[in-house]
């Protein structure tokens, strides 16, 4: 399902180069966003207007940023522990 959403993002030139390179991660977060919206099939994804598709991608980006910030914090905490 999310592969199709990723394809739609890409075909509308909505993805950054970095997002295209991290396809698996973008797909994983897209699945979370679509599930939260109750969208569960390719037929529904194919009919989503571009503005709603942009909103989904915005939420995917928020989730990726949040996850990256959490990971950065954990790595910094670990580094602080090792540097003591």
N, C-alpha and C. Protein backbone atom coordinates (compact mmCIF):
# COMPACT_ATOMS: atom_id res chain seq x y z
N UNK A 1 0.82 -1.19 0.00
CA UNK A 1 0.00 0.00 0.00
C UNK A 1 0.86 1.25 0.00
N UNK A 2 1.80 1.35 0.91
CA UNK A 2 2.59 2.57 1.02
C UNK A 2 3.57 2.72 -0.12
N UNK A 3 3.91 1.61 -0.77
CA UNK A 3 4.75 1.72 -1.97
C UNK A 3 4.03 2.57 -3.01
N UNK A 4 2.74 2.38 -3.11
CA UNK A 4 1.96 3.15 -4.06
C UNK A 4 1.93 4.62 -3.67
N UNK A 5 1.78 4.90 -2.38
CA UNK A 5 1.80 6.29 -1.91
C UNK A 5 3.17 6.91 -2.20
N UNK A 6 4.23 6.15 -1.94
CA UNK A 6 5.58 6.65 -2.23
C UNK A 6 5.70 6.97 -3.72
N UNK A 7 5.18 6.10 -4.56
CA UNK A 7 5.21 6.33 -6.00
C UNK A 7 4.46 7.61 -6.36
N UNK A 8 3.33 7.84 -5.71
CA UNK A 8 2.57 9.08 -5.98
C UNK A 8 3.36 10.29 -5.54
N UNK A 9 3.99 10.22 -4.35
CA UNK A 9 4.84 11.33 -3.91
C UNK A 9 5.90 11.63 -4.96
N UNK A 10 6.54 10.56 -5.41
CA UNK A 10 7.65 10.70 -6.36
C UNK A 10 7.15 11.22 -7.71
N UNK A 11 6.05 10.70 -8.18
CA UNK A 11 5.54 11.12 -9.50
C UNK A 11 5.08 12.57 -9.51
N UNK A 12 4.75 13.12 -8.35
CA UNK A 12 4.35 14.52 -8.24
C UNK A 12 5.54 15.40 -7.83
N UNK A 13 6.74 14.82 -7.87
CA UNK A 13 7.97 15.55 -7.52
C UNK A 13 7.88 16.21 -6.14
N UNK A 14 7.34 15.47 -5.18
CA UNK A 14 7.15 15.99 -3.84
C UNK A 14 8.29 15.62 -2.90
N UNK A 15 9.09 14.64 -3.28
CA UNK A 15 10.14 14.14 -2.40
C UNK A 15 11.46 14.84 -2.64
N UNK A 16 12.20 15.00 -1.55
CA UNK A 16 13.56 15.50 -1.68
C UNK A 16 14.44 14.32 -2.11
N UNK A 17 15.63 14.62 -2.53
CA UNK A 17 16.58 13.57 -2.91
C UNK A 17 16.85 12.66 -1.72
N UNK A 18 17.01 13.25 -0.54
CA UNK A 18 17.27 12.49 0.68
C UNK A 18 16.11 11.55 0.99
N UNK A 19 14.88 12.02 0.80
CA UNK A 19 13.71 11.18 1.05
C UNK A 19 13.66 10.02 0.04
N UNK A 20 14.01 10.29 -1.19
CA UNK A 20 14.04 9.23 -2.19
C UNK A 20 15.07 8.17 -1.83
N UNK A 21 16.20 8.60 -1.26
CA UNK A 21 17.26 7.68 -0.87
C UNK A 21 16.88 6.84 0.35
N UNK A 22 15.94 7.33 1.14
CA UNK A 22 15.49 6.62 2.35
C UNK A 22 14.07 6.11 2.16
N UNK A 23 13.84 5.47 1.04
CA UNK A 23 12.52 4.99 0.63
C UNK A 23 11.86 4.12 1.71
N UNK A 24 12.59 3.17 2.26
CA UNK A 24 12.02 2.24 3.24
C UNK A 24 11.50 2.99 4.46
N UNK A 25 12.29 3.95 4.93
CA UNK A 25 11.88 4.73 6.09
C UNK A 25 10.65 5.58 5.77
N UNK A 26 10.64 6.22 4.62
CA UNK A 26 9.50 7.05 4.21
C UNK A 26 8.25 6.18 4.09
N UNK A 27 8.39 5.00 3.52
CA UNK A 27 7.25 4.09 3.39
C UNK A 27 6.73 3.69 4.77
N UNK A 28 7.64 3.37 5.70
CA UNK A 28 7.22 2.96 7.04
C UNK A 28 6.41 4.06 7.72
N UNK A 29 6.89 5.31 7.65
CA UNK A 29 6.16 6.41 8.27
C UNK A 29 4.88 6.73 7.51
N UNK A 30 4.89 6.54 6.20
CA UNK A 30 3.68 6.75 5.42
C UNK A 30 2.60 5.76 5.86
N UNK A 31 2.98 4.52 6.11
CA UNK A 31 2.02 3.53 6.61
C UNK A 31 1.39 3.98 7.92
N UNK A 32 2.20 4.54 8.81
CA UNK A 32 1.67 5.03 10.08
C UNK A 32 0.65 6.15 9.86
N UNK A 33 0.99 7.09 9.00
CA UNK A 33 0.09 8.22 8.73
C UNK A 33 -1.19 7.74 8.07
N UNK A 34 -1.07 6.87 7.08
CA UNK A 34 -2.26 6.38 6.39
C UNK A 34 -3.15 5.57 7.32
N UNK A 35 -2.54 4.77 8.18
CA UNK A 35 -3.32 3.99 9.14
C UNK A 35 -4.06 4.93 10.09
N UNK A 36 -3.40 5.98 10.53
CA UNK A 36 -4.05 6.94 11.43
C UNK A 36 -5.22 7.65 10.74
N UNK A 37 -5.13 7.82 9.43
CA UNK A 37 -6.21 8.46 8.67
C UNK A 37 -7.27 7.44 8.23
N UNK A 38 -7.04 6.16 8.48
CA UNK A 38 -8.01 5.14 8.11
C UNK A 38 -7.97 4.79 6.63
N UNK A 39 -6.86 5.06 5.98
CA UNK A 39 -6.70 4.74 4.56
C UNK A 39 -5.95 3.43 4.46
N UNK A 40 -6.60 2.42 3.87
CA UNK A 40 -6.02 1.09 3.92
C UNK A 40 -5.96 0.37 2.58
N UNK A 41 -6.14 1.08 1.48
CA UNK A 41 -6.06 0.37 0.20
C UNK A 41 -5.55 1.29 -0.90
N UNK A 42 -4.94 0.68 -1.90
CA UNK A 42 -4.39 1.44 -3.02
C UNK A 42 -5.45 2.25 -3.75
N UNK A 43 -6.66 1.72 -3.83
CA UNK A 43 -7.72 2.43 -4.55
C UNK A 43 -8.00 3.78 -3.89
N UNK A 44 -7.98 3.82 -2.58
CA UNK A 44 -8.20 5.09 -1.88
C UNK A 44 -7.02 6.03 -2.08
N UNK A 45 -5.82 5.50 -2.05
CA UNK A 45 -4.63 6.32 -2.24
C UNK A 45 -4.62 6.94 -3.63
N UNK A 46 -5.03 6.18 -4.61
CA UNK A 46 -5.01 6.68 -5.99
C UNK A 46 -5.99 7.83 -6.20
N UNK A 47 -7.00 7.95 -5.34
CA UNK A 47 -8.02 8.99 -5.49
C UNK A 47 -7.77 10.20 -4.59
N UNK A 48 -6.75 10.14 -3.76
CA UNK A 48 -6.46 11.26 -2.86
C UNK A 48 -6.00 12.45 -3.69
N UNK A 49 -6.62 13.61 -3.48
CA UNK A 49 -6.18 14.80 -4.21
C UNK A 49 -4.76 15.21 -3.79
N UNK A 50 -4.10 15.95 -4.66
CA UNK A 50 -2.71 16.33 -4.43
C UNK A 50 -2.52 17.12 -3.13
N UNK A 51 -3.48 17.97 -2.78
CA UNK A 51 -3.33 18.74 -1.54
C UNK A 51 -3.37 17.84 -0.31
N UNK A 52 -4.20 16.81 -0.32
CA UNK A 52 -4.23 15.86 0.79
C UNK A 52 -2.97 14.99 0.79
N UNK A 53 -2.49 14.66 -0.38
CA UNK A 53 -1.24 13.92 -0.49
C UNK A 53 -0.09 14.73 0.11
N UNK A 54 -0.10 16.04 -0.14
CA UNK A 54 0.92 16.93 0.45
C UNK A 54 0.82 16.93 1.96
N UNK A 55 -0.39 16.92 2.48
CA UNK A 55 -0.60 16.90 3.93
C UNK A 55 -0.06 15.59 4.52
N UNK A 56 -0.30 14.49 3.86
CA UNK A 56 0.22 13.20 4.32
C UNK A 56 1.74 13.24 4.36
N UNK A 57 2.35 13.76 3.30
CA UNK A 57 3.81 13.85 3.26
C UNK A 57 4.33 14.78 4.35
N UNK A 58 3.62 15.85 4.64
CA UNK A 58 4.02 16.76 5.72
C UNK A 58 4.07 16.01 7.05
N UNK A 59 3.07 15.18 7.30
CA UNK A 59 3.03 14.41 8.53
C UNK A 59 4.14 13.35 8.56
N UNK A 60 4.42 12.76 7.41
CA UNK A 60 5.52 11.79 7.31
C UNK A 60 6.83 12.49 7.68
N UNK A 61 7.02 13.68 7.16
CA UNK A 61 8.25 14.44 7.46
C UNK A 61 8.33 14.77 8.95
N UNK A 62 7.22 15.11 9.55
CA UNK A 62 7.21 15.39 11.00
C UNK A 62 7.63 14.15 11.79
N UNK A 63 7.09 12.99 11.42
CA UNK A 63 7.44 11.75 12.10
C UNK A 63 8.92 11.41 11.93
N UNK A 64 9.43 11.57 10.72
CA UNK A 64 10.85 11.30 10.46
C UNK A 64 11.73 12.22 11.29
N UNK A 65 11.36 13.50 11.35
CA UNK A 65 12.15 14.47 12.11
C UNK A 65 12.12 14.14 13.60
N UNK A 66 10.95 13.79 14.09
CA UNK A 66 10.81 13.43 15.50
C UNK A 66 11.67 12.20 15.82
N UNK A 67 11.61 11.20 14.97
CA UNK A 67 12.39 9.98 15.18
C UNK A 67 13.89 10.27 15.12
N UNK A 68 14.30 11.12 14.18
CA UNK A 68 15.71 11.48 14.06
C UNK A 68 16.17 12.23 15.30
N UNK A 69 15.36 13.15 15.79
CA UNK A 69 15.71 13.90 17.00
C UNK A 69 15.84 12.97 18.20
N UNK A 70 14.95 12.00 18.31
CA UNK A 70 15.03 11.03 19.40
C UNK A 70 16.31 10.22 19.30
N UNK A 71 16.64 9.78 18.11
CA UNK A 71 17.86 9.00 17.90
C UNK A 71 19.10 9.84 18.20
N UNK A 72 19.11 11.09 17.75
CA UNK A 72 20.24 11.98 18.03
C UNK A 72 20.42 12.17 19.53
N UNK A 73 19.32 12.29 20.26
CA UNK A 73 19.39 12.47 21.72
C UNK A 73 19.98 11.23 22.38
N UNK A 74 19.54 10.06 21.97
CA UNK A 74 20.07 8.82 22.53
C UNK A 74 21.56 8.71 22.26
N UNK A 75 21.97 9.02 21.03
CA UNK A 75 23.38 8.94 20.68
C UNK A 75 24.21 9.95 21.48
N UNK A 76 23.67 11.13 21.67
CA UNK A 76 24.38 12.15 22.47
C UNK A 76 24.49 11.70 23.91
N UNK A 77 23.41 11.14 24.46
CA UNK A 77 23.45 10.65 25.84
C UNK A 77 24.49 9.55 26.00
N UNK A 78 24.55 8.65 25.04
CA UNK A 78 25.53 7.56 25.09
C UNK A 78 26.94 8.12 24.99
N UNK A 79 27.12 9.09 24.13
CA UNK A 79 28.43 9.71 23.98
C UNK A 79 28.85 10.40 25.27
N UNK A 80 27.90 11.07 25.93
CA UNK A 80 28.20 11.72 27.21
C UNK A 80 28.61 10.71 28.26
N UNK A 81 27.96 9.56 28.26
CA UNK A 81 28.29 8.51 29.23
C UNK A 81 29.71 8.01 29.01
N UNK A 82 30.08 7.79 27.75
CA UNK A 82 31.41 7.27 27.43
C UNK A 82 32.52 8.30 27.67
N UNK A 83 32.17 9.57 27.60
CA UNK A 83 33.16 10.63 27.77
C UNK A 83 33.37 11.04 29.23
N UNK A 84 32.67 10.43 30.13
CA UNK A 84 32.82 10.80 31.55
C UNK A 84 34.06 10.22 32.14
